[in-house]
Amino acid sequence: MFSLAELHAQLGAFRAKLAEATEHTNRAVELLDEARETIVTAFEQAEPWVPPQLALAEERLRQDAGRLAAADDLVSGYQASL
């Protein structure tokens, strides 16, 4: 069993990993936005074709970012209650 200090340290390390995962997820969303802009600019059409997978990937990444934020909130609340 962990002591209180060890538990705080473990939760702090976990939250650091959550923050890192959030940064990577947010960067992936930015890259997808850049890809969309590049596709639209390259075609220069009134209705440019954008792969449907691009929107799906962006939606899923945004959902992942939301889940990571929720997990961080839960862990933060738990850690604060210790």
PDB file of N, CA and C in Angstrom:
ATOM      1  N   MET A   1       0.844  -1.172   0.000  1.00  0.00           N
ATOM      2  CA  MET A   1       0.000   0.000   0.000  1.00  0.00           C
ATOM      3  C   MET A   1       0.892   1.239   0.000  1.00  0.00           C
ATOM      4  N   PHE A   2       0.426   2.267  -0.684  1.00  0.00           N
ATOM      5  CA  PHE A   2       1.183   3.513  -0.782  1.00  0.00           C
ATOM      6  C   PHE A   2       0.935   4.393   0.434  1.00  0.00           C
ATOM      7  N   SER A   3       1.973   5.129   0.818  1.00  0.00           N
ATOM      8  CA  SER A   3       1.767   6.167   1.817  1.00  0.00           C
ATOM      9  C   SER A   3       1.091   7.334   1.110  1.00  0.00           C
ATOM     10  N   LEU A   4       0.611   8.301   1.865  1.00  0.00           N
ATOM     11  CA  LEU A   4      -0.067   9.455   1.284  1.00  0.00           C
ATOM     12  C   LEU A   4       0.879  10.224   0.361  1.00  0.00           C
ATOM     13  N   ALA A   5       2.106  10.393   0.769  1.00  0.00           N
ATOM     14  CA  ALA A   5       3.088  11.112  -0.059  1.00  0.00           C
ATOM     15  C   ALA A   5       3.355  10.357  -1.351  1.00  0.00           C
ATOM     16  N   GLU A   6       3.469   9.024  -1.258  1.00  0.00           N
ATOM     17  CA  GLU A   6       3.695   8.224  -2.458  1.00  0.00           C
ATOM     18  C   GLU A   6       2.488   8.291  -3.404  1.00  0.00           C
ATOM     19  N   LEU A   7       1.292   8.282  -2.827  1.00  0.00           N
ATOM     20  CA  LEU A   7       0.082   8.373  -3.636  1.00  0.00           C
ATOM     21  C   LEU A   7       0.023   9.717  -4.353  1.00  0.00           C
ATOM     22  N   HIS A   8       0.355  10.794  -3.648  1.00  0.00           N
ATOM     23  CA  HIS A   8       0.401  12.113  -4.283  1.00  0.00           C
ATOM     24  C   HIS A   8       1.426  12.124  -5.424  1.00  0.00           C
ATOM     25  N   ALA A   9       2.568  11.525  -5.192  1.00  0.00           N
ATOM     26  CA  ALA A   9       3.606  11.481  -6.223  1.00  0.00           C
ATOM     27  C   ALA A   9       3.133  10.689  -7.439  1.00  0.00           C
ATOM     28  N   GLN A  10       2.482   9.546  -7.211  1.00  0.00           N
ATOM     29  CA  GLN A  10       1.973   8.722  -8.310  1.00  0.00           C
ATOM     30  C   GLN A  10       0.893   9.473  -9.094  1.00  0.00           C
ATOM     31  N   LEU A  11      -0.008  10.125  -8.377  1.00  0.00           N
ATOM     32  CA  LEU A  11      -1.059  10.897  -9.049  1.00  0.00           C
ATOM     33  C   LEU A  11      -0.470  12.077  -9.821  1.00  0.00           C
ATOM     34  N   GLY A  12       0.553  12.693  -9.278  1.00  0.00           N
ATOM     35  CA  GLY A  12       1.231  13.785  -9.988  1.00  0.00           C
ATOM     36  C   GLY A  12       1.878  13.301 -11.272  1.00  0.00           C
ATOM     37  N   ALA A  13       2.501  12.135 -11.211  1.00  0.00           N
ATOM     38  CA  ALA A  13       3.120  11.559 -12.405  1.00  0.00           C
ATOM     39  C   ALA A  13       2.055  11.206 -13.437  1.00  0.00           C
ATOM     40  N   PHE A  14       0.937  10.670 -12.972  1.00  0.00           N
ATOM     41  CA  PHE A  14      -0.162  10.320 -13.873  1.00  0.00           C
ATOM     42  C   PHE A  14      -0.710  11.566 -14.551  1.00  0.00           C
ATOM     43  N   ARG A  15      -0.900  12.637 -13.793  1.00  0.00           N
ATOM     44  CA  ARG A  15      -1.412  13.883 -14.366  1.00  0.00           C
ATOM     45  C   ARG A  15      -0.419  14.466 -15.363  1.00  0.00           C
ATOM     46  N   ALA A  16       0.868  14.300 -15.122  1.00  0.00           N
ATOM     47  CA  ALA A  16       1.873  14.776 -16.083  1.00  0.00           C
ATOM     48  C   ALA A  16       1.744  14.016 -17.400  1.00  0.00           C
ATOM     49  N   LYS A  17       1.511  12.720 -17.327  1.00  0.00           N
ATOM     50  CA  LYS A  17       1.315  11.914 -18.544  1.00  0.00           C
ATOM     51  C   LYS A  17       0.024  12.307 -19.251  1.00  0.00           C
ATOM     52  N   LEU A  18      -1.029  12.607 -18.488  1.00  0.00           N
ATOM     53  CA  LEU A  18      -2.268  13.089 -19.094  1.00  0.00           C
ATOM     54  C   LEU A  18      -2.031  14.403 -19.833  1.00  0.00           C
ATOM     55  N   ALA A  19      -1.266  15.285 -19.230  1.00  0.00           N
ATOM     56  CA  ALA A  19      -0.967  16.566 -19.870  1.00  0.00           C
ATOM     57  C   ALA A  19      -0.186  16.347 -21.159  1.00  0.00           C
ATOM     58  N   GLU A  20       0.755  15.426 -21.129  1.00  0.00           N
ATOM     59  CA  GLU A  20       1.541  15.109 -22.319  1.00  0.00           C
ATOM     60  C   GLU A  20       0.651  14.535 -23.426  1.00  0.00           C
ATOM     61  N   ALA A  21      -0.226  13.635 -23.059  1.00  0.00           N
ATOM     62  CA  ALA A  21      -1.150  13.044 -24.039  1.00  0.00           C
ATOM     63  C   ALA A  21      -2.078  14.113 -24.611  1.00  0.00           C
ATOM     64  N   THR A  22      -2.515  15.034 -23.775  1.00  0.00           N
ATOM     65  CA  THR A  22      -3.372  16.124 -24.238  1.00  0.00           C
ATOM     66  C   THR A  22      -2.640  17.004 -25.237  1.00  0.00           C
ATOM     67  N   GLU A  23      -1.385  17.319 -24.955  1.00  0.00           N
ATOM     68  CA  GLU A  23      -0.584  18.124 -25.882  1.00  0.00           C
ATOM     69  C   GLU A  23      -0.454  17.425 -27.235  1.00  0.00           C
ATOM     70  N   HIS A  24      -0.191  16.131 -27.218  1.00  0.00           N
ATOM     71  CA  HIS A  24      -0.063  15.377 -28.472  1.00  0.00           C
ATOM     72  C   HIS A  24      -1.381  15.341 -29.235  1.00  0.00           C
ATOM     73  N   THR A  25      -2.468  15.157 -28.509  1.00  0.00           N
ATOM     74  CA  THR A  25      -3.783  15.113 -29.145  1.00  0.00           C
ATOM     75  C   THR A  25      -4.125  16.470 -29.759  1.00  0.00           C
ATOM     76  N   ASN A  26      -3.871  17.535 -29.027  1.00  0.00           N
ATOM     77  CA  ASN A  26      -4.138  18.877 -29.556  1.00  0.00           C
ATOM     78  C   ASN A  26      -3.277  19.174 -30.780  1.00  0.00           C
ATOM     79  N   ARG A  27      -2.046  18.716 -30.775  1.00  0.00           N
ATOM     80  CA  ARG A  27      -1.167  18.915 -31.942  1.00  0.00           C
ATOM     81  C   ARG A  27      -1.693  18.119 -33.134  1.00  0.00           C
ATOM     82  N   ALA A  28      -2.207  16.930 -32.901  1.00  0.00           N
ATOM     83  CA  ALA A  28      -2.772  16.130 -33.988  1.00  0.00           C
ATOM     84  C   ALA A  28      -3.970  16.842 -34.601  1.00  0.00           C
ATOM     85  N   VAL A  29      -4.801  17.469 -33.770  1.00  0.00           N
ATOM     86  CA  VAL A  29      -5.940  18.234 -34.284  1.00  0.00           C
ATOM     87  C   VAL A  29      -5.438  19.407 -35.141  1.00  0.00           C
ATOM     88  N   GLU A  30      -4.407  20.094 -34.669  1.00  0.00           N
ATOM     89  CA  GLU A  30      -3.832  21.197 -35.439  1.00  0.00           C
ATOM     90  C   GLU A  30      -3.321  20.711 -36.793  1.00  0.00           C
ATOM     91  N   LEU A  31      -2.654  19.568 -36.804  1.00  0.00           N
ATOM     92  CA  LEU A  31      -2.134  19.026 -38.052  1.00  0.00           C
ATOM     93  C   LEU A  31      -3.261  18.647 -39.017  1.00  0.00           C
ATOM     94  N   LEU A  32      -4.350  18.110 -38.483  1.00  0.00           N
ATOM     95  CA  LEU A  32      -5.498  17.797 -39.334  1.00  0.00           C
ATOM     96  C   LEU A  32      -6.105  19.075 -39.909  1.00  0.00           C
ATOM     97  N   ASP A  33      -6.168  20.129 -39.109  1.00  0.00           N
ATOM     98  CA  ASP A  33      -6.670  21.411 -39.613  1.00  0.00           C
ATOM     99  C   ASP A  33      -5.768  21.938 -40.729  1.00  0.00           C
ATOM    100  N   GLU A  34      -4.453  21.815 -40.547  1.00  0.00           N
ATOM    101  CA  GLU A  34      -3.510  22.237 -41.586  1.00  0.00           C
ATOM    102  C   GLU A  34      -3.678  21.397 -42.847  1.00  0.00           C
ATOM    103  N   ALA A  35      -3.913  20.103 -42.686  1.00  0.00           N
ATOM    104  CA  ALA A  35      -4.115  19.227 -43.841  1.00  0.00           C
ATOM    105  C   ALA A  35      -5.368  19.639 -44.601  1.00  0.00           C
ATOM    106  N   ARG A  36      -6.436  19.928 -43.885  1.00  0.00           N
ATOM    107  CA  ARG A  36      -7.682  20.363 -44.521  1.00  0.00           C
ATOM    108  C   ARG A  36      -7.442  21.650 -45.314  1.00  0.00           C
ATOM    109  N   GLU A  37      -6.757  22.597 -44.703  1.00  0.00           N
ATOM    110  CA  GLU A  37      -6.475  23.871 -45.369  1.00  0.00           C
ATOM    111  C   GLU A  37      -5.627  23.655 -46.626  1.00  0.00           C
ATOM    112  N   THR A  38      -4.656  22.772 -46.535  1.00  0.00           N
ATOM    113  CA  THR A  38      -3.804  22.477 -47.684  1.00  0.00           C
ATOM    114  C   THR A  38      -4.604  21.852 -48.814  1.00  0.00           C
ATOM    115  N   ILE A  39      -5.490  20.935 -48.477  1.00  0.00           N
ATOM    116  CA  ILE A  39      -6.321  20.279 -49.492  1.00  0.00           C
ATOM    117  C   ILE A  39      -7.226  21.298 -50.167  1.00  0.00           C
ATOM    118  N   VAL A  40      -7.868  22.129 -49.376  1.00  0.00           N
ATOM    119  CA  VAL A  40      -8.781  23.129 -49.929  1.00  0.00           C
ATOM    120  C   VAL A  40      -8.027  24.113 -50.808  1.00  0.00           C
ATOM    121  N   THR A  41      -6.887  24.578 -50.341  1.00  0.00           N
ATOM    122  CA  THR A  41      -6.098  25.536 -51.102  1.00  0.00           C
ATOM    123  C   THR A  41      -5.591  24.910 -52.400  1.00  0.00           C
ATOM    124  N   ALA A  42      -5.185  23.666 -52.340  1.00  0.00           N
ATOM    125  CA  ALA A  42      -4.644  23.002 -53.517  1.00  0.00           C
ATOM    126  C   ALA A  42      -5.696  22.846 -54.619  1.00  0.00           C
ATOM    127  N   PHE A  43      -6.894  22.577 -54.251  1.00  0.00           N
ATOM    128  CA  PHE A  43      -7.942  22.376 -55.249  1.00  0.00           C
ATOM    129  C   PHE A  43      -8.547  23.690 -55.731  1.00  0.00           C
ATOM    130  N   GLU A  44      -8.562  24.701 -54.868  1.00  0.00           N
ATOM    131  CA  GLU A  44      -9.104  26.014 -55.196  1.00  0.00           C
ATOM    132  C   GLU A  44     -10.414  25.903 -55.983  1.00  0.00           C
ATOM    133  N   GLN A  45     -11.338  25.176 -55.424  1.00  0.00           N
ATOM    134  CA  GLN A  45     -12.650  24.989 -56.026  1.00  0.00           C
ATOM    135  C   GLN A  45     -13.698  25.614 -55.119  1.00  0.00           C
ATOM    136  N   ALA A  46     -14.850  25.836 -55.692  1.00  0.00           N
ATOM    137  CA  ALA A  46     -15.951  26.358 -54.881  1.00  0.00           C
ATOM    138  C   ALA A  46     -16.335  25.350 -53.809  1.00  0.00           C
ATOM    139  N   GLU A  47     -16.300  24.064 -54.169  1.00  0.00           N
ATOM    140  CA  GLU A  47     -16.601  23.001 -53.227  1.00  0.00           C
ATOM    141  C   GLU A  47     -15.476  21.975 -53.270  1.00  0.00           C
ATOM    142  N   PRO A  48     -14.381  22.254 -52.605  1.00  0.00           N
ATOM    143  CA  PRO A  48     -13.246  21.325 -52.653  1.00  0.00           C
ATOM    144  C   PRO A  48     -13.586  19.989 -52.010  1.00  0.00           C
ATOM    145  N   TRP A  49     -12.954  18.959 -52.515  1.00  0.00           N
ATOM    146  CA  TRP A  49     -13.161  17.626 -51.961  1.00  0.00           C
ATOM    147  C   TRP A  49     -12.211  17.433 -50.795  1.00  0.00           C
ATOM    148  N   VAL A  50     -12.759  17.062 -49.680  1.00  0.00           N
ATOM    149  CA  VAL A  50     -11.974  16.757 -48.490  1.00  0.00           C
ATOM    150  C   VAL A  50     -12.327  15.330 -48.095  1.00  0.00           C
ATOM    151  N   PRO A  51     -11.311  14.495 -47.894  1.00  0.00           N
ATOM    152  CA  PRO A  51     -11.604  13.102 -47.530  1.00  0.00           C
ATOM    153  C   PRO A  51     -12.490  13.029 -46.287  1.00  0.00           C
ATOM    154  N   PRO A  52     -13.532  12.206 -46.317  1.00  0.00           N
ATOM    155  CA  PRO A  52     -14.414  12.107 -45.146  1.00  0.00           C
ATOM    156  C   PRO A  52     -13.680  11.587 -43.912  1.00  0.00           C
ATOM    157  N   GLN A  53     -12.614  10.856 -44.123  1.00  0.00           N
ATOM    158  CA  GLN A  53     -11.847  10.330 -42.990  1.00  0.00           C
ATOM    159  C   GLN A  53     -11.198  11.461 -42.185  1.00  0.00           C
ATOM    160  N   LEU A  54     -10.928  12.582 -42.854  1.00  0.00           N
ATOM    161  CA  LEU A  54     -10.302  13.715 -42.175  1.00  0.00           C
ATOM    162  C   LEU A  54     -11.223  14.259 -41.084  1.00  0.00           C
ATOM    163  N   ALA A  55     -12.487  14.448 -41.417  1.00  0.00           N
ATOM    164  CA  ALA A  55     -13.446  14.958 -40.425  1.00  0.00           C
ATOM    165  C   ALA A  55     -13.643  13.949 -39.297  1.00  0.00           C
ATOM    166  N   LEU A  56     -13.706  12.679 -39.647  1.00  0.00           N
ATOM    167  CA  LEU A  56     -13.886  11.641 -38.636  1.00  0.00           C
ATOM    168  C   LEU A  56     -12.689  11.593 -37.688  1.00  0.00           C
ATOM    169  N   ALA A  57     -11.493  11.686 -38.241  1.00  0.00           N
ATOM    170  CA  ALA A  57     -10.286  11.673 -37.405  1.00  0.00           C
ATOM    171  C   ALA A  57     -10.262  12.875 -36.471  1.00  0.00           C
ATOM    172  N   GLU A  58     -10.629  14.041 -37.004  1.00  0.00           N
ATOM    173  CA  GLU A  58     -10.637  15.239 -36.173  1.00  0.00           C
ATOM    174  C   GLU A  58     -11.671  15.124 -35.054  1.00  0.00           C
ATOM    175  N   GLU A  59     -12.854  14.619 -35.380  1.00  0.00           N
ATOM    176  CA  GLU A  59     -13.902  14.442 -34.373  1.00  0.00           C
ATOM    177  C   GLU A  59     -13.442  13.495 -33.265  1.00  0.00           C
ATOM    178  N   ARG A  60     -12.824  12.398 -33.660  1.00  0.00           N
ATOM    179  CA  ARG A  60     -12.363  11.427 -32.647  1.00  0.00           C
ATOM    180  C   ARG A  60     -11.244  11.992 -31.784  1.00  0.00           C
ATOM    181  N   LEU A  61     -10.345  12.761 -32.396  1.00  0.00           N
ATOM    182  CA  LEU A  61      -9.265  13.371 -31.614  1.00  0.00           C
ATOM    183  C   LEU A  61      -9.826  14.398 -30.623  1.00  0.00           C
ATOM    184  N   ARG A  62     -10.817  15.148 -31.059  1.00  0.00           N
ATOM    185  CA  ARG A  62     -11.428  16.117 -30.147  1.00  0.00           C
ATOM    186  C   ARG A  62     -12.144  15.385 -28.991  1.00  0.00           C
ATOM    187  N   GLN A  63     -12.766  14.247 -29.280  1.00  0.00           N
ATOM    188  CA  GLN A  63     -13.390  13.445 -28.221  1.00  0.00           C
ATOM    189  C   GLN A  63     -12.317  12.933 -27.258  1.00  0.00           C
ATOM    190  N   ASP A  64     -11.192  12.484 -27.813  1.00  0.00           N
ATOM    191  CA  ASP A  64     -10.093  12.005 -26.966  1.00  0.00           C
ATOM    192  C   ASP A  64      -9.575  13.133 -26.070  1.00  0.00           C
ATOM    193  N   ALA A  65      -9.449  14.326 -26.647  1.00  0.00           N
ATOM    194  CA  ALA A  65      -8.986  15.468 -25.855  1.00  0.00           C
ATOM    195  C   ALA A  65      -9.965  15.753 -24.718  1.00  0.00           C
ATOM    196  N   GLY A  66     -11.248  15.633 -24.992  1.00  0.00           N
ATOM    197  CA  GLY A  66     -12.251  15.830 -23.946  1.00  0.00           C
ATOM    198  C   GLY A  66     -12.159  14.780 -22.858  1.00  0.00           C
ATOM    199  N   ARG A  67     -11.926  13.540 -23.263  1.00  0.00           N
ATOM    200  CA  ARG A  67     -11.786  12.457 -22.269  1.00  0.00           C
ATOM    201  C   ARG A  67     -10.537  12.662 -21.408  1.00  0.00           C
ATOM    202  N   LEU A  68      -9.449  13.094 -22.043  1.00  0.00           N
ATOM    203  CA  LEU A  68      -8.221  13.344 -21.285  1.00  0.00           C
ATOM    204  C   LEU A  68      -8.436  14.470 -20.280  1.00  0.00           C
ATOM    205  N   ALA A  69      -9.138  15.506 -20.689  1.00  0.00           N
ATOM    206  CA  ALA A  69      -9.415  16.620 -19.777  1.00  0.00           C
ATOM    207  C   ALA A  69     -10.300  16.156 -18.619  1.00  0.00           C
ATOM    208  N   ALA A  70     -11.289  15.322 -18.925  1.00  0.00           N
ATOM    209  CA  ALA A  70     -12.162  14.806 -17.871  1.00  0.00           C
ATOM    210  C   ALA A  70     -11.382  13.923 -16.898  1.00  0.00           C
ATOM    211  N   ALA A  71     -10.496  13.103 -17.428  1.00  0.00           N
ATOM    212  CA  ALA A  71      -9.676  12.243 -16.559  1.00  0.00           C
ATOM    213  C   ALA A  71      -8.792  13.088 -15.662  1.00  0.00           C
ATOM    214  N   ASP A  72      -8.213  14.147 -16.223  1.00  0.00           N
ATOM    215  CA  ASP A  72      -7.366  15.032 -15.421  1.00  0.00           C
ATOM    216  C   ASP A  72      -8.191  15.704 -14.324  1.00  0.00           C
ATOM    217  N   ASP A  73      -9.400  16.139 -14.651  1.00  0.00           N
ATOM    218  CA  ASP A  73     -10.271  16.741 -13.632  1.00  0.00           C
ATOM    219  C   ASP A  73     -10.575  15.765 -12.504  1.00  0.00           C
ATOM    220  N   LEU A  74     -10.878  14.521 -12.865  1.00  0.00           N
ATOM    221  CA  LEU A  74     -11.183  13.510 -11.846  1.00  0.00           C
ATOM    222  C   LEU A  74      -9.979  13.245 -10.946  1.00  0.00           C
ATOM    223  N   VAL A  75      -8.820  13.072 -11.556  1.00  0.00           N
ATOM    224  CA  VAL A  75      -7.614  12.786 -10.778  1.00  0.00           C
ATOM    225  C   VAL A  75      -7.255  13.996  -9.913  1.00  0.00           C
ATOM    226  N   SER A  76      -7.399  15.180 -10.483  1.00  0.00           N
ATOM    227  CA  SER A  76      -7.109  16.400  -9.728  1.00  0.00           C
ATOM    228  C   SER A  76      -8.032  16.511  -8.521  1.00  0.00           C
ATOM    229  N   GLY A  77      -9.317  16.253  -8.728  1.00  0.00           N
ATOM    230  CA  GLY A  77     -10.266  16.299  -7.611  1.00  0.00           C
ATOM    231  C   GLY A  77      -9.952  15.275  -6.548  1.00  0.00           C
ATOM    232  N   TYR A  78      -9.602  14.068  -6.992  1.00  0.00           N
ATOM    233  CA  TYR A  78      -9.260  12.999  -6.044  1.00  0.00           C
ATOM    234  C   TYR A  78      -8.014  13.389  -5.256  1.00  0.00           C
ATOM    235  N   GLN A  79      -7.017  13.915  -5.986  1.00  0.00           N
ATOM    236  CA  GLN A  79      -5.761  14.290  -5.332  1.00  0.00           C
ATOM    237  C   GLN A  79      -6.018  15.423  -4.323  1.00  0.00           C
ATOM    238  N   ALA A  80      -6.873  16.353  -4.678  1.00  0.00           N
ATOM    239  CA  ALA A  80      -7.168  17.461  -3.765  1.00  0.00           C
ATOM    240  C   ALA A  80      -7.897  16.990  -2.511  1.00  0.00           C
ATOM    241  N   SER A  81      -8.661  15.921  -2.652  1.00  0.00           N
ATOM    242  CA  SER A  81      -9.396  15.422  -1.483  1.00  0.00           C
ATOM    243  C   SER A  81      -8.533  14.610  -0.533  1.00  0.00           C
ATOM    244  N   LEU A  82      -7.332  14.228  -0.980  1.00  0.00           N
ATOM    245  CA  LEU A  82      -6.454  13.444  -0.101  1.00  0.00           C
ATOM    246  C   LEU A  82      -5.893  14.257   1.001  1.00  0.00           C
TER     247      LEU A  82
END
